[in-house]
Amino acid sequence: MAQAHGAAALWGYDNSSLSAFTDPDSASSVKILDRTIADWREWNAIVGRIEDTHGEWLDPSISRAPEWLIQRGEAEFEAADHILCASDFVIDTIVKHSATAGVERKIRHLPYCFDPTAYGSLPPPELRASHEPVRFLFAGQLSARKGIQHVIEAANLLSPQVATVTCAGPSQVPEAVLGKFSDRVRLLGNVPRQEMPAIMAQHDVLLLPSYFEGSAIVLLEAMAAGMAIISTPQAGAGPTALSGIRMKRPDTDLLVSAMTDLAEDRERLLEMRQAARLEARAYDHESYCRNIEGLLAEIGL
């Protein structure tokens, strides 16, 4: 279509934009690369650290990124006029690793959005009684990349009278490892997307101590459901200090401390849950469209 009719701009995604961006017929088009994940060179360094501390949690399918993938990403950085990133973590890793001249000047911040349709009818957050455990939820792929090892270790260290932990999502953890904790963690397995809002509404806090993301949309969905957030900078954009606790890094002791803090202060937990619902409004589809309009105006389109 672009070749036949011409295009003022091409908007493409990582690993699928190089041929279009470098086609001679698109030489006059503005190339916008929407980078959905952090730089893979950062992941390759992170894998080594996970191997050192939690190697048994790594499924064989989780491996280092191949060189061809890294070089393709680098070529897309070079070909792009603008690089869109949804989180500061993605931005930082590209600036840290890329050898593309002027790559920092190409980068634009564009947060993701979520579909609020299924969240508008959920009940408002309520104060969790002091005699009840706080209900924590991990939602997403159960993998060492997303820090599931810290979630389950933390659950094992906390009394069930203080905290219950539910995990929803497909597992990428060896069964021999995950099975050791089946009496302390409720494992729902893979859950249909339409069932997640109701599950979130039954819990108080979302846990995502991730090592490597683009920017996890589950953070925004959980906020819309009225959940407080405990996450890492790597997990992505969304919660503020009013709606969650951002740990310095993925770590079991830090996670236990954050979970304990919220379990011991139910008023603060309720305030965070209420703030989360309000903050989520800034990430609905209408806000995303307005952000795109502003971006295009900024770059002269």
C-alpha atoms as a PDB file:
ATOM      1  CA  MET A   1       0.000   0.000   0.000  1.00  0.00           C
ATOM      2  CA  ALA A   2       2.794   2.394   0.910  1.00  0.00           C
ATOM      3  CA  GLN A   3       4.599   1.563  -2.328  1.00  0.00           C
ATOM      4  CA  ALA A   4       1.466   2.025  -4.416  1.00  0.00           C
ATOM      5  CA  HIS A   5       0.142   5.206  -2.863  1.00  0.00           C
ATOM      6  CA  GLY A   6       3.055   6.692  -0.960  1.00  0.00           C
ATOM      7  CA  ALA A   7       3.084   7.241   2.791  1.00  0.00           C
ATOM      8  CA  ALA A   8       3.870  10.276   4.905  1.00  0.00           C
ATOM      9  CA  ALA A   9       4.890   7.928   7.703  1.00  0.00           C
ATOM     10  CA  LEU A  10       5.414   4.250   8.429  1.00  0.00           C
ATOM     11  CA  TRP A  11       4.629   3.021  11.957  1.00  0.00           C
ATOM     12  CA  GLY A  12       6.156  -0.384  12.612  1.00  0.00           C
ATOM     13  CA  TYR A  13       7.079  -2.692  15.479  1.00  0.00           C
ATOM     14  CA  ASP A  14      10.318  -4.300  16.526  1.00  0.00           C
ATOM     15  CA  ASN A  15      11.435  -7.321  14.481  1.00  0.00           C
ATOM     16  CA  SER A  16       8.926  -6.559  11.703  1.00  0.00           C
ATOM     17  CA  SER A  17       9.903  -3.121  10.373  1.00  0.00           C
ATOM     18  CA  LEU A  18      13.356  -3.394   8.862  1.00  0.00           C
ATOM     19  CA  SER A  19      12.400  -4.299   5.289  1.00  0.00           C
ATOM     20  CA  ALA A  20       9.770  -1.545   5.080  1.00  0.00           C
ATOM     21  CA  PHE A  21      12.012   1.067   6.689  1.00  0.00           C
ATOM     22  CA  THR A  22      14.895   0.340   4.326  1.00  0.00           C
ATOM     23  CA  ASP A  23      12.842  -0.040   1.130  1.00  0.00           C
ATOM     24  CA  PRO A  24      13.903   2.640  -1.393  1.00  0.00           C
ATOM     25  CA  ASP A  25      10.240   3.512  -2.003  1.00  0.00           C
ATOM     26  CA  SER A  26       9.903   4.630   1.619  1.00  0.00           C
ATOM     27  CA  ALA A  27      12.943   6.895   1.548  1.00  0.00           C
ATOM     28  CA  SER A  28      10.846  10.043   2.029  1.00  0.00           C
ATOM     29  CA  SER A  29       8.539   8.551   4.681  1.00  0.00           C
ATOM     30  CA  VAL A  30       8.975   9.257   8.380  1.00  0.00           C
ATOM     31  CA  LYS A  31       9.834   5.955  10.069  1.00  0.00           C
ATOM     32  CA  ILE A  32       8.359   5.376  13.547  1.00  0.00           C
ATOM     33  CA  LEU A  33       9.578   2.283  15.397  1.00  0.00           C
ATOM     34  CA  ASP A  34       7.344   1.122  18.246  1.00  0.00           C
ATOM     35  CA  ARG A  35       9.756  -0.836  20.441  1.00  0.00           C
ATOM     36  CA  THR A  36       7.706  -3.222  22.588  1.00  0.00           C
ATOM     37  CA  ILE A  37      10.492  -4.760  24.678  1.00  0.00           C
ATOM     38  CA  ALA A  38      13.710  -3.632  26.334  1.00  0.00           C
ATOM     39  CA  ASP A  39      17.065  -4.158  24.626  1.00  0.00           C
ATOM     40  CA  TRP A  40      17.894  -7.851  24.414  1.00  0.00           C
ATOM     41  CA  ARG A  41      21.499  -7.238  25.419  1.00  0.00           C
ATOM     42  CA  GLU A  42      20.190  -6.241  28.832  1.00  0.00           C
ATOM     43  CA  TRP A  43      18.255  -9.497  29.050  1.00  0.00           C
ATOM     44  CA  ASN A  44      21.363 -11.509  28.220  1.00  0.00           C
ATOM     45  CA  ALA A  45      23.131  -9.930  31.179  1.00  0.00           C
ATOM     46  CA  ILE A  46      20.114 -10.503  33.441  1.00  0.00           C
ATOM     47  CA  VAL A  47      19.907 -14.211  32.581  1.00  0.00           C
ATOM     48  CA  GLY A  48      23.378 -14.686  33.990  1.00  0.00           C
ATOM     49  CA  ARG A  49      22.339 -13.159  37.296  1.00  0.00           C
ATOM     50  CA  ILE A  50      19.234 -15.358  37.497  1.00  0.00           C
ATOM     51  CA  GLU A  51      21.381 -18.413  36.750  1.00  0.00           C
ATOM     52  CA  ASP A  52      23.622 -17.503  39.674  1.00  0.00           C
ATOM     53  CA  THR A  53      20.804 -17.125  42.215  1.00  0.00           C
ATOM     54  CA  HIS A  54      17.809 -19.102  40.907  1.00  0.00           C
ATOM     55  CA  GLY A  55      19.080 -21.290  38.114  1.00  0.00           C
ATOM     56  CA  GLU A  56      16.683 -24.120  38.984  1.00  0.00           C
ATOM     57  CA  TRP A  57      13.726 -21.819  38.214  1.00  0.00           C
ATOM     58  CA  LEU A  58      14.803 -21.290  34.605  1.00  0.00           C
ATOM     59  CA  ASP A  59      12.894 -23.406  32.123  1.00  0.00           C
ATOM     60  CA  PRO A  60      15.083 -24.698  29.248  1.00  0.00           C
ATOM     61  CA  SER A  61      12.961 -22.656  26.838  1.00  0.00           C
ATOM     62  CA  ILE A  62      14.180 -19.425  28.474  1.00  0.00           C
ATOM     63  CA  SER A  63      17.534 -18.597  26.960  1.00  0.00           C
ATOM     64  CA  ARG A  64      19.720 -15.717  25.894  1.00  0.00           C
ATOM     65  CA  ALA A  65      18.703 -13.700  22.866  1.00  0.00           C
ATOM     66  CA  PRO A  66      20.571 -14.726  19.699  1.00  0.00           C
ATOM     67  CA  GLU A  67      22.957 -12.320  18.014  1.00  0.00           C
ATOM     68  CA  TRP A  68      20.800 -12.057  14.877  1.00  0.00           C
ATOM     69  CA  LEU A  69      17.902 -10.712  16.962  1.00  0.00           C
ATOM     70  CA  ILE A  70      20.134  -8.138  18.613  1.00  0.00           C
ATOM     71  CA  GLN A  71      21.566  -7.005  15.281  1.00  0.00           C
ATOM     72  CA  ARG A  72      18.126  -6.782  13.687  1.00  0.00           C
ATOM     73  CA  GLY A  73      17.041  -4.520  16.517  1.00  0.00           C
ATOM     74  CA  GLU A  74      20.117  -2.392  16.049  1.00  0.00           C
ATOM     75  CA  ALA A  75      19.411  -2.080  12.327  1.00  0.00           C
ATOM     76  CA  GLU A  76      15.858  -0.960  13.079  1.00  0.00           C
ATOM     77  CA  PHE A  77      17.181   1.680  15.496  1.00  0.00           C
ATOM     78  CA  GLU A  78      19.438   2.921  12.713  1.00  0.00           C
ATOM     79  CA  ALA A  79      16.661   3.004  10.102  1.00  0.00           C
ATOM     80  CA  ALA A  80      14.061   4.649  12.348  1.00  0.00           C
ATOM     81  CA  ASP A  81      13.546   8.384  12.634  1.00  0.00           C
ATOM     82  CA  HIS A  82      11.696   8.003  15.927  1.00  0.00           C
ATOM     83  CA  ILE A  83      11.708   5.178  18.491  1.00  0.00           C
ATOM     84  CA  LEU A  84       8.668   4.854  20.760  1.00  0.00           C
ATOM     85  CA  CYS A  85       9.135   3.323  24.218  1.00  0.00           C
ATOM     86  CA  ALA A  86       6.430   2.695  26.807  1.00  0.00           C
ATOM     87  CA  SER A  87       8.652   2.783  29.909  1.00  0.00           C
ATOM     88  CA  ASP A  88      11.802   4.372  31.271  1.00  0.00           C
ATOM     89  CA  PHE A  89      13.355   0.920  31.586  1.00  0.00           C
ATOM     90  CA  VAL A  90      13.088   0.317  27.841  1.00  0.00           C
ATOM     91  CA  ILE A  91      14.542   3.753  27.157  1.00  0.00           C
ATOM     92  CA  ASP A  92      17.439   3.231  29.546  1.00  0.00           C
ATOM     93  CA  THR A  93      18.422  -0.131  28.051  1.00  0.00           C
ATOM     94  CA  ILE A  94      18.422   1.191  24.487  1.00  0.00           C
ATOM     95  CA  VAL A  95      20.547   4.195  25.446  1.00  0.00           C
ATOM     96  CA  LYS A  96      22.871   1.907  27.413  1.00  0.00           C
ATOM     97  CA  HIS A  97      23.457  -0.711  24.727  1.00  0.00           C
ATOM     98  CA  SER A  98      22.805   0.758  21.283  1.00  0.00           C
ATOM     99  CA  ALA A  99      25.680   1.929  19.114  1.00  0.00           C
ATOM    100  CA  THR A 100      23.330   3.822  16.763  1.00  0.00           C
ATOM    101  CA  ALA A 101      24.455   7.414  16.419  1.00  0.00           C
ATOM    102  CA  GLY A 102      22.042   9.835  18.076  1.00  0.00           C
ATOM    103  CA  VAL A 103      19.759   7.069  19.325  1.00  0.00           C
ATOM    104  CA  GLU A 104      18.847   9.013  22.458  1.00  0.00           C
ATOM    105  CA  ARG A 105      17.506  11.904  20.349  1.00  0.00           C
ATOM    106  CA  LYS A 106      15.229   9.518  18.445  1.00  0.00           C
ATOM    107  CA  ILE A 107      13.465   8.173  21.515  1.00  0.00           C
ATOM    108  CA  ARG A 108       9.942   9.258  22.447  1.00  0.00           C
ATOM    109  CA  HIS A 109       7.942   8.106  25.477  1.00  0.00           C
ATOM    110  CA  LEU A 110       4.491   6.713  24.633  1.00  0.00           C
ATOM    111  CA  PRO A 111       2.783   4.797  27.482  1.00  0.00           C
ATOM    112  CA  TYR A 112       0.551   1.854  26.612  1.00  0.00           C
ATOM    113  CA  CYS A 113      -3.165   1.678  27.289  1.00  0.00           C
ATOM    114  CA  PHE A 114      -5.598  -1.012  28.404  1.00  0.00           C
ATOM    115  CA  ASP A 115      -9.186  -1.832  27.510  1.00  0.00           C
ATOM    116  CA  PRO A 116     -11.341  -0.446  30.365  1.00  0.00           C
ATOM    117  CA  THR A 117     -14.568  -2.072  29.137  1.00  0.00           C
ATOM    118  CA  ALA A 118     -14.521  -4.993  31.569  1.00  0.00           C
ATOM    119  CA  TYR A 119     -13.441  -2.955  34.595  1.00  0.00           C
ATOM    120  CA  GLY A 120     -16.091  -0.233  34.874  1.00  0.00           C
ATOM    121  CA  SER A 121     -18.642  -2.380  36.699  1.00  0.00           C
ATOM    122  CA  LEU A 122     -16.304  -3.811  39.342  1.00  0.00           C
ATOM    123  CA  PRO A 123     -17.083  -2.991  42.996  1.00  0.00           C
ATOM    124  CA  PRO A 124     -15.010  -0.294  44.723  1.00  0.00           C
ATOM    125  CA  PRO A 125     -12.138  -1.378  46.992  1.00  0.00           C
ATOM    126  CA  GLU A 126     -13.034  -2.047  50.613  1.00  0.00           C
ATOM    127  CA  LEU A 127     -11.001  -2.004  53.799  1.00  0.00           C
ATOM    128  CA  ARG A 128      -9.549  -5.444  54.479  1.00  0.00           C
ATOM    129  CA  ALA A 129     -10.307  -6.439  58.084  1.00  0.00           C
ATOM    130  CA  SER A 130      -7.284  -6.846  60.348  1.00  0.00           C
ATOM    131  CA  HIS A 131      -8.108 -10.486  61.102  1.00  0.00           C
ATOM    132  CA  GLU A 132      -8.150 -11.374  57.390  1.00  0.00           C
ATOM    133  CA  PRO A 133      -5.016 -12.058  55.339  1.00  0.00           C
ATOM    134  CA  VAL A 134      -4.194  -9.619  52.562  1.00  0.00           C
ATOM    135  CA  ARG A 135      -4.844 -11.235  49.196  1.00  0.00           C
ATOM    136  CA  PHE A 136      -1.911 -10.974  46.794  1.00  0.00           C
ATOM    137  CA  LEU A 137      -2.070 -11.912  43.105  1.00  0.00           C
ATOM    138  CA  PHE A 138       0.544 -12.644  40.468  1.00  0.00           C
ATOM    139  CA  ALA A 139      -0.914 -12.510  36.941  1.00  0.00           C
ATOM    140  CA  GLY A 140       1.028 -13.465  33.839  1.00  0.00           C
ATOM    141  CA  GLN A 141       3.419 -16.103  32.676  1.00  0.00           C
ATOM    142  CA  LEU A 142       4.943 -17.878  35.674  1.00  0.00           C
ATOM    143  CA  SER A 143       8.574 -17.474  34.672  1.00  0.00           C
ATOM    144  CA  ALA A 144      11.892 -16.528  36.199  1.00  0.00           C
ATOM    145  CA  ARG A 145      11.973 -13.537  33.828  1.00  0.00           C
ATOM    146  CA  LYS A 146       8.900 -12.116  35.544  1.00  0.00           C
ATOM    147  CA  GLY A 147      10.235 -12.859  39.037  1.00  0.00           C
ATOM    148  CA  ILE A 148       7.860 -15.656  39.980  1.00  0.00           C
ATOM    149  CA  GLN A 149      10.652 -17.166  42.114  1.00  0.00           C
ATOM    150  CA  HIS A 150      10.520 -14.131  44.406  1.00  0.00           C
ATOM    151  CA  VAL A 151       6.726 -14.238  44.637  1.00  0.00           C
ATOM    152  CA  ILE A 152       6.664 -17.878  45.682  1.00  0.00           C
ATOM    153  CA  GLU A 153       9.633 -17.571  48.033  1.00  0.00           C
ATOM    154  CA  ALA A 154       7.941 -14.586  49.694  1.00  0.00           C
ATOM    155  CA  ALA A 155       4.707 -16.528  50.065  1.00  0.00           C
ATOM    156  CA  ASN A 156       6.627 -19.321  51.737  1.00  0.00           C
ATOM    157  CA  LEU A 157       8.169 -16.877  54.220  1.00  0.00           C
ATOM    158  CA  LEU A 158       4.916 -15.152  55.203  1.00  0.00           C
ATOM    159  CA  SER A 159       2.277 -16.636  57.467  1.00  0.00           C
ATOM    160  CA  PRO A 160      -0.992 -17.606  55.750  1.00  0.00           C
ATOM    161  CA  GLN A 161      -2.703 -15.523  58.415  1.00  0.00           C
ATOM    162  CA  VAL A 162      -0.853 -12.486  57.010  1.00  0.00           C
ATOM    163  CA  ALA A 163      -0.969 -13.152  53.276  1.00  0.00           C
ATOM    164  CA  THR A 164      -2.491 -15.451  50.703  1.00  0.00           C
ATOM    165  CA  VAL A 165      -0.895 -15.665  47.252  1.00  0.00           C
ATOM    166  CA  THR A 166      -2.655 -16.652  44.035  1.00  0.00           C
ATOM    167  CA  CYS A 167      -0.906 -17.102  40.696  1.00  0.00           C
ATOM    168  CA  ALA A 168      -2.821 -16.891  37.420  1.00  0.00           C
ATOM    169  CA  GLY A 169      -1.059 -17.790  34.202  1.00  0.00           C
ATOM    170  CA  PRO A 170       0.752 -20.538  32.320  1.00  0.00           C
ATOM    171  CA  SER A 171       3.863 -21.913  33.966  1.00  0.00           C
ATOM    172  CA  GLN A 172       7.395 -21.813  32.620  1.00  0.00           C
ATOM    173  CA  VAL A 173       8.879 -23.156  35.849  1.00  0.00           C
ATOM    174  CA  PRO A 174      10.052 -26.781  36.075  1.00  0.00           C
ATOM    175  CA  GLU A 175       7.317 -28.765  37.821  1.00  0.00           C
ATOM    176  CA  ALA A 176       9.807 -30.252  40.284  1.00  0.00           C
ATOM    177  CA  VAL A 177      10.526 -26.742  41.573  1.00  0.00           C
ATOM    178  CA  LEU A 178       6.998 -25.356  41.512  1.00  0.00           C
ATOM    179  CA  GLY A 179       5.540 -28.439  43.184  1.00  0.00           C
ATOM    180  CA  LYS A 180       7.495 -27.791  46.370  1.00  0.00           C
ATOM    181  CA  PHE A 181       5.297 -24.788  47.109  1.00  0.00           C
ATOM    182  CA  SER A 182       1.869 -26.045  46.046  1.00  0.00           C
ATOM    183  CA  ASP A 183       0.611 -26.029  49.646  1.00  0.00           C
ATOM    184  CA  ARG A 184       1.387 -22.327  50.082  1.00  0.00           C
ATOM    185  CA  VAL A 185       0.425 -20.840  46.707  1.00  0.00           C
ATOM    186  CA  ARG A 186      -2.865 -21.186  44.853  1.00  0.00           C
ATOM    187  CA  LEU A 187      -2.129 -21.935  41.199  1.00  0.00           C
ATOM    188  CA  LEU A 188      -4.978 -21.170  38.792  1.00  0.00           C
ATOM    189  CA  GLY A 189      -3.101 -22.022  35.609  1.00  0.00           C
ATOM    190  CA  ASN A 190      -3.951 -20.299  32.345  1.00  0.00           C
ATOM    191  CA  VAL A 191      -7.054 -18.122  32.800  1.00  0.00           C
ATOM    192  CA  PRO A 192      -9.244 -16.706  29.991  1.00  0.00           C
ATOM    193  CA  ARG A 193      -8.788 -12.955  29.679  1.00  0.00           C
ATOM    194  CA  GLN A 194     -12.490 -12.246  30.282  1.00  0.00           C
ATOM    195  CA  GLU A 195     -12.249 -13.881  33.725  1.00  0.00           C
ATOM    196  CA  MET A 196      -9.335 -11.781  34.944  1.00  0.00           C
ATOM    197  CA  PRO A 197     -11.244  -8.620  36.019  1.00  0.00           C
ATOM    198  CA  ALA A 198     -13.355 -10.612  38.493  1.00  0.00           C
ATOM    199  CA  ILE A 199     -10.268 -12.422  39.809  1.00  0.00           C
ATOM    200  CA  MET A 200      -8.462  -9.105  40.274  1.00  0.00           C
ATOM    201  CA  ALA A 201     -11.445  -7.633  42.097  1.00  0.00           C
ATOM    202  CA  GLN A 202     -11.174 -10.459  44.665  1.00  0.00           C
ATOM    203  CA  HIS A 203      -7.567  -9.520  45.504  1.00  0.00           C
ATOM    204  CA  ASP A 204      -5.875  -6.537  47.120  1.00  0.00           C
ATOM    205  CA  VAL A 205      -2.382  -6.302  45.626  1.00  0.00           C
ATOM    206  CA  LEU A 206      -0.783  -7.274  42.324  1.00  0.00           C
ATOM    207  CA  LEU A 207       2.791  -8.571  42.522  1.00  0.00           C
ATOM    208  CA  LEU A 208       5.098  -8.185  39.519  1.00  0.00           C
ATOM    209  CA  PRO A 209       8.787  -8.219  40.561  1.00  0.00           C
ATOM    210  CA  SER A 210       9.850  -8.583  36.941  1.00  0.00           C
ATOM    211  CA  TYR A 211      13.380  -8.535  35.571  1.00  0.00           C
ATOM    212  CA  PHE A 212      12.589  -7.668  31.960  1.00  0.00           C
ATOM    213  CA  GLU A 213       9.544  -6.259  30.151  1.00  0.00           C
ATOM    214  CA  GLY A 214       8.422  -3.717  27.654  1.00  0.00           C
ATOM    215  CA  SER A 215       5.736  -2.267  29.899  1.00  0.00           C
ATOM    216  CA  ALA A 216       3.312  -4.748  31.411  1.00  0.00           C
ATOM    217  CA  ILE A 217      -0.311  -3.926  30.609  1.00  0.00           C
ATOM    218  CA  VAL A 218      -1.372  -6.137  33.516  1.00  0.00           C
ATOM    219  CA  LEU A 219      -0.225  -3.321  35.819  1.00  0.00           C
ATOM    220  CA  LEU A 220      -2.799  -0.986  34.268  1.00  0.00           C
ATOM    221  CA  GLU A 221      -5.545  -3.611  34.344  1.00  0.00           C
ATOM    222  CA  ALA A 222      -4.885  -4.346  38.007  1.00  0.00           C
ATOM    223  CA  MET A 223      -5.003  -0.647  38.845  1.00  0.00           C
ATOM    224  CA  ALA A 224      -8.352  -0.343  37.062  1.00  0.00           C
ATOM    225  CA  ALA A 225      -9.605  -3.262  39.160  1.00  0.00           C
ATOM    226  CA  GLY A 226      -8.667  -1.371  42.324  1.00  0.00           C
ATOM    227  CA  MET A 227      -5.506  -3.265  43.221  1.00  0.00           C
ATOM    228  CA  ALA A 228      -2.431  -1.760  44.821  1.00  0.00           C
ATOM    229  CA  ILE A 229       0.803  -2.651  43.012  1.00  0.00           C
ATOM    230  CA  ILE A 230       4.156  -4.014  44.133  1.00  0.00           C
ATOM    231  CA  SER A 231       6.519  -4.021  41.171  1.00  0.00           C
ATOM    232  CA  THR A 232      10.003  -3.211  39.930  1.00  0.00           C
ATOM    233  CA  PRO A 233      11.176  -0.469  37.543  1.00  0.00           C
ATOM    234  CA  GLN A 234      11.658  -3.203  34.955  1.00  0.00           C
ATOM    235  CA  ALA A 235       7.950  -4.106  35.096  1.00  0.00           C
ATOM    236  CA  GLY A 236       6.917  -0.893  33.381  1.00  0.00           C
ATOM    237  CA  ALA A 237       4.887   2.280  33.711  1.00  0.00           C
ATOM    238  CA  GLY A 238       1.671   2.796  35.621  1.00  0.00           C
ATOM    239  CA  PRO A 239       1.579   2.950  39.419  1.00  0.00           C
ATOM    240  CA  THR A 240       2.925   5.896  41.390  1.00  0.00           C
ATOM    241  CA  ALA A 241       3.960   6.104  45.026  1.00  0.00           C
ATOM    242  CA  LEU A 242       0.281   6.751  45.823  1.00  0.00           C
ATOM    243  CA  SER A 243      -0.907   3.505  44.267  1.00  0.00           C
ATOM    244  CA  GLY A 244       1.938   1.100  44.875  1.00  0.00           C
ATOM    245  CA  ILE A 245       5.409   0.214  46.049  1.00  0.00           C
ATOM    246  CA  ARG A 246       8.212   0.123  43.522  1.00  0.00           C
ATOM    247  CA  MET A 247      11.059  -2.089  44.704  1.00  0.00           C
ATOM    248  CA  LYS A 248      14.584  -1.112  43.694  1.00  0.00           C
ATOM    249  CA  ARG A 249      15.125  -4.492  42.042  1.00  0.00           C
ATOM    250  CA  PRO A 250      13.701  -8.004  41.905  1.00  0.00           C
ATOM    251  CA  ASP A 251      14.500  -9.497  45.295  1.00  0.00           C
ATOM    252  CA  THR A 252      12.729 -11.827  47.720  1.00  0.00           C
ATOM    253  CA  ASP A 253      13.617  -9.914  50.890  1.00  0.00           C
ATOM    254  CA  LEU A 254      12.484  -6.609  49.374  1.00  0.00           C
ATOM    255  CA  LEU A 255       9.251  -8.231  48.269  1.00  0.00           C
ATOM    256  CA  VAL A 256       8.579  -9.695  51.714  1.00  0.00           C
ATOM    257  CA  SER A 257       9.181  -6.265  53.251  1.00  0.00           C
ATOM    258  CA  ALA A 258       6.774  -4.548  50.842  1.00  0.00           C
ATOM    259  CA  MET A 259       4.083  -7.193  51.334  1.00  0.00           C
ATOM    260  CA  THR A 260       4.463  -6.964  55.111  1.00  0.00           C
ATOM    261  CA  ASP A 261       4.201  -3.174  55.053  1.00  0.00           C
ATOM    262  CA  LEU A 262       0.833  -3.311  53.301  1.00  0.00           C
ATOM    263  CA  ALA A 263      -0.426  -6.171  55.440  1.00  0.00           C
ATOM    264  CA  GLU A 264       0.357  -4.192  58.590  1.00  0.00           C
ATOM    265  CA  ASP A 265      -1.260  -0.942  57.400  1.00  0.00           C
ATOM    266  CA  ARG A 266      -4.730  -1.694  56.043  1.00  0.00           C
ATOM    267  CA  GLU A 267      -5.676   1.998  55.814  1.00  0.00           C
ATOM    268  CA  ARG A 268      -2.682   2.696  53.595  1.00  0.00           C
ATOM    269  CA  LEU A 269      -3.536  -0.346  51.499  1.00  0.00           C
ATOM    270  CA  LEU A 270      -7.076   0.918  50.936  1.00  0.00           C
ATOM    271  CA  GLU A 271      -5.800   4.370  49.992  1.00  0.00           C
ATOM    272  CA  MET A 272      -3.442   2.814  47.453  1.00  0.00           C
ATOM    273  CA  ARG A 273      -6.239   0.755  45.947  1.00  0.00           C
ATOM    274  CA  GLN A 274      -8.460   3.799  45.618  1.00  0.00           C
ATOM    275  CA  ALA A 275      -5.643   5.836  44.082  1.00  0.00           C
ATOM    276  CA  ALA A 276      -4.910   3.043  41.616  1.00  0.00           C
ATOM    277  CA  ARG A 277      -8.415   3.187  40.167  1.00  0.00           C
ATOM    278  CA  LEU A 278      -8.115   6.916  39.651  1.00  0.00           C
ATOM    279  CA  GLU A 279      -4.644   6.694  38.106  1.00  0.00           C
ATOM    280  CA  ALA A 280      -5.742   3.977  35.687  1.00  0.00           C
ATOM    281  CA  ARG A 281      -7.959   6.501  33.888  1.00  0.00           C
ATOM    282  CA  ALA A 282      -4.843   8.102  32.427  1.00  0.00           C
ATOM    283  CA  TYR A 283      -4.145   4.875  30.527  1.00  0.00           C
ATOM    284  CA  ASP A 284      -7.469   4.208  28.809  1.00  0.00           C
ATOM    285  CA  HIS A 285      -7.766   4.078  25.030  1.00  0.00           C
ATOM    286  CA  GLU A 286      -8.896   7.681  24.694  1.00  0.00           C
ATOM    287  CA  SER A 287      -5.813   8.862  26.570  1.00  0.00           C
ATOM    288  CA  TYR A 288      -3.615   6.720  24.328  1.00  0.00           C
ATOM    289  CA  CYS A 289      -5.161   8.306  21.234  1.00  0.00           C
ATOM    290  CA  ARG A 290      -4.578  11.789  22.637  1.00  0.00           C
ATOM    291  CA  ASN A 291      -0.972  10.873  23.370  1.00  0.00           C
ATOM    292  CA  ILE A 292      -0.526   9.701  19.775  1.00  0.00           C
ATOM    293  CA  GLU A 293      -2.016  12.937  18.481  1.00  0.00           C
ATOM    294  CA  GLY A 294       0.438  14.906  20.614  1.00  0.00           C
ATOM    295  CA  LEU A 295       3.334  12.765  19.449  1.00  0.00           C
ATOM    296  CA  LEU A 296       2.475  13.205  15.783  1.00  0.00           C
ATOM    297  CA  ALA A 297       2.108  16.957  16.244  1.00  0.00           C
ATOM    298  CA  GLU A 298       5.484  17.072  17.987  1.00  0.00           C
ATOM    299  CA  ILE A 299       7.251  15.367  15.082  1.00  0.00           C
ATOM    300  CA  GLY A 300       5.378  17.421  12.473  1.00  0.00           C
ATOM    301  CA  LEU A 301       2.840  14.913  11.151  1.00  0.00           C
END
